[in-house]
Amino acid sequence: MRDPNKAQRLVDGGKVRKVMDTQNRTHFSVEGDTDTHSVIYDKRKAEWTCDCRYSALTNRECSHIAAAKIKG
């Protein structure tokens, strides 16, 4: 993650919303700088995914995932 404070700023700015919580997954909508991203926590695999370019290209945790983790 390039900016370690960005996740907290997203949460504090009301940019993170829990959309759905089921037995197997939790889905968040995170409003980024340019787009709104879909973040999913797979409870069975204990795995986070995000549809942003940074996450796809680096296979690392992005600020959107970090923000969803904070929001819980």
PDB file of N, CA and C in Angstrom:
ATOM      1  N   MET A   1       0.850  -1.172   0.000  1.00  0.00           N
ATOM      2  CA  MET A   1       0.000   0.000   0.000  1.00  0.00           C
ATOM      3  C   MET A   1       0.897   1.235   0.000  1.00  0.00           C
ATOM      4  N   ARG A   2       0.636   2.116  -0.912  1.00  0.00           N
ATOM      5  CA  ARG A   2       1.498   3.293  -1.055  1.00  0.00           C
ATOM      6  C   ARG A   2       1.327   4.306   0.064  1.00  0.00           C
ATOM      7  N   ASP A   3       0.100   4.571   0.467  1.00  0.00           N
ATOM      8  CA  ASP A   3      -0.178   5.560   1.512  1.00  0.00           C
ATOM      9  C   ASP A   3      -0.847   4.865   2.691  1.00  0.00           C
ATOM     10  N   PRO A   4      -0.096   4.609   3.760  1.00  0.00           N
ATOM     11  CA  PRO A   4      -0.660   3.851   4.886  1.00  0.00           C
ATOM     12  C   PRO A   4      -1.806   4.563   5.603  1.00  0.00           C
ATOM     13  N   ASN A   5      -1.951   5.869   5.430  1.00  0.00           N
ATOM     14  CA  ASN A   5      -3.028   6.615   6.085  1.00  0.00           C
ATOM     15  C   ASN A   5      -4.295   6.707   5.249  1.00  0.00           C
ATOM     16  N   LYS A   6      -4.206   6.310   3.992  1.00  0.00           N
ATOM     17  CA  LYS A   6      -5.350   6.441   3.094  1.00  0.00           C
ATOM     18  C   LYS A   6      -6.549   5.624   3.563  1.00  0.00           C
ATOM     19  N   ALA A   7      -6.310   4.426   4.048  1.00  0.00           N
ATOM     20  CA  ALA A   7      -7.405   3.567   4.500  1.00  0.00           C
ATOM     21  C   ALA A   7      -8.221   4.246   5.602  1.00  0.00           C
ATOM     22  N   GLN A   8      -7.543   4.823   6.564  1.00  0.00           N
ATOM     23  CA  GLN A   8      -8.254   5.494   7.653  1.00  0.00           C
ATOM     24  C   GLN A   8      -8.994   6.724   7.144  1.00  0.00           C
ATOM     25  N   ARG A   9      -8.400   7.438   6.198  1.00  0.00           N
ATOM     26  CA  ARG A   9      -9.081   8.605   5.609  1.00  0.00           C
ATOM     27  C   ARG A   9     -10.351   8.185   4.861  1.00  0.00           C
ATOM     28  N   LEU A  10     -10.298   7.054   4.180  1.00  0.00           N
ATOM     29  CA  LEU A  10     -11.488   6.553   3.486  1.00  0.00           C
ATOM     30  C   LEU A  10     -12.604   6.249   4.485  1.00  0.00           C
ATOM     31  N   VAL A  11     -12.254   5.600   5.583  1.00  0.00           N
ATOM     32  CA  VAL A  11     -13.246   5.273   6.616  1.00  0.00           C
ATOM     33  C   VAL A  11     -13.786   6.552   7.251  1.00  0.00           C
ATOM     34  N   ASP A  12     -12.883   7.452   7.656  1.00  0.00           N
ATOM     35  CA  ASP A  12     -13.297   8.703   8.306  1.00  0.00           C
ATOM     36  C   ASP A  12     -14.147   9.573   7.390  1.00  0.00           C
ATOM     37  N   GLY A  13     -13.900   9.477   6.084  1.00  0.00           N
ATOM     38  CA  GLY A  13     -14.651  10.271   5.123  1.00  0.00           C
ATOM     39  C   GLY A  13     -15.971   9.642   4.694  1.00  0.00           C
ATOM     40  N   GLY A  14     -16.323   8.509   5.293  1.00  0.00           N
ATOM     41  CA  GLY A  14     -17.587   7.847   4.966  1.00  0.00           C
ATOM     42  C   GLY A  14     -17.590   7.190   3.598  1.00  0.00           C
ATOM     43  N   LYS A  15     -16.420   6.816   3.106  1.00  0.00           N
ATOM     44  CA  LYS A  15     -16.291   6.242   1.764  1.00  0.00           C
ATOM     45  C   LYS A  15     -16.408   4.723   1.734  1.00  0.00           C
ATOM     46  N   VAL A  16     -16.570   4.093   2.905  1.00  0.00           N
ATOM     47  CA  VAL A  16     -16.627   2.631   2.984  1.00  0.00           C
ATOM     48  C   VAL A  16     -18.004   2.218   3.490  1.00  0.00           C
ATOM     49  N   ARG A  17     -18.640   1.325   2.743  1.00  0.00           N
ATOM     50  CA  ARG A  17     -19.985   0.892   3.093  1.00  0.00           C
ATOM     51  C   ARG A  17     -20.065  -0.624   3.003  1.00  0.00           C
ATOM     52  N   LYS A  18     -20.588  -1.245   4.053  1.00  0.00           N
ATOM     53  CA  LYS A  18     -20.833  -2.696   4.012  1.00  0.00           C
ATOM     54  C   LYS A  18     -22.131  -2.899   3.250  1.00  0.00           C
ATOM     55  N   VAL A  19     -22.045  -3.605   2.114  1.00  0.00           N
ATOM     56  CA  VAL A  19     -23.191  -3.782   1.235  1.00  0.00           C
ATOM     57  C   VAL A  19     -23.989  -5.027   1.599  1.00  0.00           C
ATOM     58  N   MET A  20     -23.271  -6.111   1.875  1.00  0.00           N
ATOM     59  CA  MET A  20     -23.946  -7.377   2.156  1.00  0.00           C
ATOM     60  C   MET A  20     -23.056  -8.251   3.035  1.00  0.00           C
ATOM     61  N   ASP A  21     -23.696  -8.960   3.941  1.00  0.00           N
ATOM     62  CA  ASP A  21     -22.969  -9.885   4.813  1.00  0.00           C
ATOM     63  C   ASP A  21     -23.736 -11.197   4.839  1.00  0.00           C
ATOM     64  N   THR A  22     -23.146 -12.229   4.253  1.00  0.00           N
ATOM     65  CA  THR A  22     -23.777 -13.545   4.232  1.00  0.00           C
ATOM     66  C   THR A  22     -22.943 -14.517   5.057  1.00  0.00           C
ATOM     67  N   GLN A  23     -23.364 -15.757   5.069  1.00  0.00           N
ATOM     68  CA  GLN A  23     -22.637 -16.776   5.821  1.00  0.00           C
ATOM     69  C   GLN A  23     -21.223 -16.977   5.270  1.00  0.00           C
ATOM     70  N   ASN A  24     -21.049 -16.811   3.960  1.00  0.00           N
ATOM     71  CA  ASN A  24     -19.764 -17.097   3.335  1.00  0.00           C
ATOM     72  C   ASN A  24     -18.937 -15.871   2.954  1.00  0.00           C
ATOM     73  N   ARG A  25     -19.591 -14.739   2.738  1.00  0.00           N
ATOM     74  CA  ARG A  25     -18.866 -13.558   2.262  1.00  0.00           C
ATOM     75  C   ARG A  25     -19.411 -12.270   2.842  1.00  0.00           C
ATOM     76  N   THR A  26     -18.515 -11.277   2.909  1.00  0.00           N
ATOM     77  CA  THR A  26     -18.909  -9.916   3.239  1.00  0.00           C
ATOM     78  C   THR A  26     -18.464  -9.038   2.080  1.00  0.00           C
ATOM     79  N   HIS A  27     -19.383  -8.222   1.579  1.00  0.00           N
ATOM     80  CA  HIS A  27     -19.104  -7.360   0.435  1.00  0.00           C
ATOM     81  C   HIS A  27     -19.141  -5.898   0.873  1.00  0.00           C
ATOM     82  N   PHE A  28     -18.087  -5.162   0.507  1.00  0.00           N
ATOM     83  CA  PHE A  28     -17.984  -3.737   0.809  1.00  0.00           C
ATOM     84  C   PHE A  28     -17.914  -2.945  -0.488  1.00  0.00           C
ATOM     85  N   SER A  29     -18.407  -1.738  -0.449  1.00  0.00           N
ATOM     86  CA  SER A  29     -18.252  -0.787  -1.532  1.00  0.00           C
ATOM     87  C   SER A  29     -17.349   0.323  -0.997  1.00  0.00           C
ATOM     88  N   VAL A  30     -16.241   0.574  -1.700  1.00  0.00           N
ATOM     89  CA  VAL A  30     -15.272   1.570  -1.232  1.00  0.00           C
ATOM     90  C   VAL A  30     -15.082   2.612  -2.327  1.00  0.00           C
ATOM     91  N   GLU A  31     -15.416   3.854  -2.007  1.00  0.00           N
ATOM     92  CA  GLU A  31     -15.276   4.950  -2.949  1.00  0.00           C
ATOM     93  C   GLU A  31     -13.829   5.443  -2.930  1.00  0.00           C
ATOM     94  N   GLY A  32     -13.103   5.133  -4.008  1.00  0.00           N
ATOM     95  CA  GLY A  32     -11.710   5.544  -4.114  1.00  0.00           C
ATOM     96  C   GLY A  32     -11.583   6.936  -4.704  1.00  0.00           C
ATOM     97  N   ASP A  33     -10.374   7.299  -5.097  1.00  0.00           N
ATOM     98  CA  ASP A  33     -10.123   8.621  -5.662  1.00  0.00           C
ATOM     99  C   ASP A  33     -10.799   8.818  -7.009  1.00  0.00           C
ATOM    100  N   THR A  34     -10.874   7.758  -7.808  1.00  0.00           N
ATOM    101  CA  THR A  34     -11.436   7.892  -9.152  1.00  0.00           C
ATOM    102  C   THR A  34     -12.621   6.967  -9.417  1.00  0.00           C
ATOM    103  N   ASP A  35     -12.710   5.856  -8.713  1.00  0.00           N
ATOM    104  CA  ASP A  35     -13.773   4.878  -8.941  1.00  0.00           C
ATOM    105  C   ASP A  35     -14.277   4.310  -7.623  1.00  0.00           C
ATOM    106  N   THR A  36     -15.412   3.660  -7.693  1.00  0.00           N
ATOM    107  CA  THR A  36     -15.920   2.908  -6.543  1.00  0.00           C
ATOM    108  C   THR A  36     -15.532   1.452  -6.751  1.00  0.00           C
ATOM    109  N   HIS A  37     -14.935   0.864  -5.716  1.00  0.00           N
ATOM    110  CA  HIS A  37     -14.393  -0.482  -5.824  1.00  0.00           C
ATOM    111  C   HIS A  37     -15.181  -1.477  -4.982  1.00  0.00           C
ATOM    112  N   SER A  38     -15.170  -2.711  -5.451  1.00  0.00           N
ATOM    113  CA  SER A  38     -15.819  -3.810  -4.773  1.00  0.00           C
ATOM    114  C   SER A  38     -14.762  -4.603  -3.999  1.00  0.00           C
ATOM    115  N   VAL A  39     -14.963  -4.697  -2.693  1.00  0.00           N
ATOM    116  CA  VAL A  39     -14.057  -5.459  -1.836  1.00  0.00           C
ATOM    117  C   VAL A  39     -14.859  -6.596  -1.226  1.00  0.00           C
ATOM    118  N   ILE A  40     -14.328  -7.795  -1.345  1.00  0.00           N
ATOM    119  CA  ILE A  40     -15.026  -8.974  -0.831  1.00  0.00           C
ATOM    120  C   ILE A  40     -14.120  -9.743   0.121  1.00  0.00           C
ATOM    121  N   TYR A  41     -14.693 -10.100   1.262  1.00  0.00           N
ATOM    122  CA  TYR A  41     -14.006 -10.978   2.203  1.00  0.00           C
ATOM    123  C   TYR A  41     -14.672 -12.347   2.128  1.00  0.00           C
ATOM    124  N   ASP A  42     -13.912 -13.348   1.727  1.00  0.00           N
ATOM    125  CA  ASP A  42     -14.389 -14.725   1.658  1.00  0.00           C
ATOM    126  C   ASP A  42     -14.103 -15.374   3.015  1.00  0.00           C
ATOM    127  N   LYS A  43     -15.141 -15.607   3.770  1.00  0.00           N
ATOM    128  CA  LYS A  43     -14.992 -16.124   5.132  1.00  0.00           C
ATOM    129  C   LYS A  43     -14.463 -17.558   5.163  1.00  0.00           C
ATOM    130  N   ARG A  44     -14.827 -18.358   4.171  1.00  0.00           N
ATOM    131  CA  ARG A  44     -14.362 -19.751   4.136  1.00  0.00           C
ATOM    132  C   ARG A  44     -12.861 -19.832   3.874  1.00  0.00           C
ATOM    133  N   LYS A  45     -12.375 -18.978   2.990  1.00  0.00           N
ATOM    134  CA  LYS A  45     -10.948 -18.981   2.648  1.00  0.00           C
ATOM    135  C   LYS A  45     -10.142 -17.999   3.480  1.00  0.00           C
ATOM    136  N   ALA A  46     -10.833 -17.154   4.256  1.00  0.00           N
ATOM    137  CA  ALA A  46     -10.189 -16.069   5.010  1.00  0.00           C
ATOM    138  C   ALA A  46      -9.320 -15.236   4.069  1.00  0.00           C
ATOM    139  N   GLU A  47      -9.948 -14.802   2.950  1.00  0.00           N
ATOM    140  CA  GLU A  47      -9.223 -14.122   1.884  1.00  0.00           C
ATOM    141  C   GLU A  47      -9.956 -12.847   1.456  1.00  0.00           C
ATOM    142  N   TRP A  48      -9.182 -11.771   1.275  1.00  0.00           N
ATOM    143  CA  TRP A  48      -9.720 -10.490   0.818  1.00  0.00           C
ATOM    144  C   TRP A  48      -9.382 -10.284  -0.650  1.00  0.00           C
ATOM    145  N   THR A  49     -10.331  -9.718  -1.422  1.00  0.00           N
ATOM    146  CA  THR A  49     -10.067  -9.348  -2.807  1.00  0.00           C
ATOM    147  C   THR A  49     -10.661  -7.971  -3.085  1.00  0.00           C
ATOM    148  N   CYS A  50     -10.050  -7.274  -4.034  1.00  0.00           N
ATOM    149  CA  CYS A  50     -10.529  -5.966  -4.475  1.00  0.00           C
ATOM    150  C   CYS A  50     -10.404  -5.923  -5.989  1.00  0.00           C
ATOM    151  N   ASP A  51     -11.325  -5.218  -6.628  1.00  0.00           N
ATOM    152  CA  ASP A  51     -11.296  -5.136  -8.085  1.00  0.00           C
ATOM    153  C   ASP A  51     -10.467  -3.967  -8.626  1.00  0.00           C
ATOM    154  N   CYS A  52      -9.699  -3.307  -7.763  1.00  0.00           N
ATOM    155  CA  CYS A  52      -8.897  -2.168  -8.227  1.00  0.00           C
ATOM    156  C   CYS A  52      -7.648  -2.636  -8.992  1.00  0.00           C
ATOM    157  N   ARG A  53      -7.117  -1.744  -9.789  1.00  0.00           N
ATOM    158  CA  ARG A  53      -5.944  -2.046 -10.610  1.00  0.00           C
ATOM    159  C   ARG A  53      -4.719  -2.355  -9.755  1.00  0.00           C
ATOM    160  N   TYR A  54      -4.509  -1.594  -8.672  1.00  0.00           N
ATOM    161  CA  TYR A  54      -3.337  -1.810  -7.815  1.00  0.00           C
ATOM    162  C   TYR A  54      -3.317  -3.240  -7.279  1.00  0.00           C
ATOM    163  N   SER A  55      -4.434  -3.685  -6.778  1.00  0.00           N
ATOM    164  CA  SER A  55      -4.528  -5.038  -6.213  1.00  0.00           C
ATOM    165  C   SER A  55      -4.303  -6.095  -7.294  1.00  0.00           C
ATOM    166  N   ALA A  56      -4.886  -5.886  -8.467  1.00  0.00           N
ATOM    167  CA  ALA A  56      -4.741  -6.850  -9.561  1.00  0.00           C
ATOM    168  C   ALA A  56      -3.302  -6.933 -10.065  1.00  0.00           C
ATOM    169  N   LEU A  57      -2.634  -5.789 -10.167  1.00  0.00           N
ATOM    170  CA  LEU A  57      -1.283  -5.768 -10.721  1.00  0.00           C
ATOM    171  C   LEU A  57      -0.204  -6.204  -9.731  1.00  0.00           C
ATOM    172  N   THR A  58      -0.403  -5.913  -8.458  1.00  0.00           N
ATOM    173  CA  THR A  58       0.641  -6.203  -7.468  1.00  0.00           C
ATOM    174  C   THR A  58       0.353  -7.440  -6.632  1.00  0.00           C
ATOM    175  N   ASN A  59      -0.925  -7.873  -6.615  1.00  0.00           N
ATOM    176  CA  ASN A  59      -1.339  -8.976  -5.760  1.00  0.00           C
ATOM    177  C   ASN A  59      -1.019  -8.691  -4.290  1.00  0.00           C
ATOM    178  N   ARG A  60      -1.105  -7.415  -3.938  1.00  0.00           N
ATOM    179  CA  ARG A  60      -0.865  -6.971  -2.560  1.00  0.00           C
ATOM    180  C   ARG A  60      -2.116  -6.281  -2.026  1.00  0.00           C
ATOM    181  N   GLU A  61      -2.149  -6.095  -0.713  1.00  0.00           N
ATOM    182  CA  GLU A  61      -3.295  -5.438  -0.099  1.00  0.00           C
ATOM    183  C   GLU A  61      -3.318  -3.960  -0.477  1.00  0.00           C
ATOM    184  N   CYS A  62      -4.457  -3.520  -0.986  1.00  0.00           N
ATOM    185  CA  CYS A  62      -4.630  -2.114  -1.352  1.00  0.00           C
ATOM    186  C   CYS A  62      -5.290  -1.353  -0.200  1.00  0.00           C
ATOM    187  N   SER A  63      -5.377  -0.052  -0.359  1.00  0.00           N
ATOM    188  CA  SER A  63      -5.997   0.783   0.675  1.00  0.00           C
ATOM    189  C   SER A  63      -7.492   0.496   0.802  1.00  0.00           C
ATOM    190  N   HIS A  64      -8.118   0.014  -0.267  1.00  0.00           N
ATOM    191  CA  HIS A  64      -9.546  -0.299  -0.211  1.00  0.00           C
ATOM    192  C   HIS A  64      -9.804  -1.506   0.698  1.00  0.00           C
ATOM    193  N   ILE A  65      -8.957  -2.524   0.596  1.00  0.00           N
ATOM    194  CA  ILE A  65      -9.066  -3.684   1.476  1.00  0.00           C
ATOM    195  C   ILE A  65      -8.765  -3.270   2.916  1.00  0.00           C
ATOM    196  N   ALA A  66      -7.709  -2.485   3.097  1.00  0.00           N
ATOM    197  CA  ALA A  66      -7.359  -2.028   4.446  1.00  0.00           C
ATOM    198  C   ALA A  66      -8.497  -1.234   5.067  1.00  0.00           C
ATOM    199  N   ALA A  67      -9.170  -0.406   4.278  1.00  0.00           N
ATOM    200  CA  ALA A  67     -10.284   0.375   4.785  1.00  0.00           C
ATOM    201  C   ALA A  67     -11.462  -0.531   5.157  1.00  0.00           C
ATOM    202  N   ALA A  68     -11.735  -1.535   4.327  1.00  0.00           N
ATOM    203  CA  ALA A  68     -12.824  -2.470   4.640  1.00  0.00           C
ATOM    204  C   ALA A  68     -12.529  -3.242   5.915  1.00  0.00           C
ATOM    205  N   LYS A  69     -11.270  -3.590   6.129  1.00  0.00           N
ATOM    206  CA  LYS A  69     -10.887  -4.286   7.360  1.00  0.00           C
ATOM    207  C   LYS A  69     -11.143  -3.404   8.580  1.00  0.00           C
ATOM    208  N   ILE A  70     -10.840  -2.115   8.454  1.00  0.00           N
ATOM    209  CA  ILE A  70     -11.092  -1.179   9.560  1.00  0.00           C
ATOM    210  C   ILE A  70     -12.579  -1.090   9.828  1.00  0.00           C
ATOM    211  N   LYS A  71     -13.346  -0.945   8.765  1.00  0.00           N
ATOM    212  CA  LYS A  71     -14.817  -0.800   8.888  1.00  0.00           C
ATOM    213  C   LYS A  71     -15.444  -2.059   9.483  1.00  0.00           C
ATOM    214  N   GLY A  72     -14.895  -3.217   9.075  1.00  0.00           N
ATOM    215  CA  GLY A  72     -15.331  -4.500   9.616  1.00  0.00           C
ATOM    216  C   GLY A  72     -16.718  -4.816   9.235  1.00  0.00           C
TER     217      GLY A  72
END
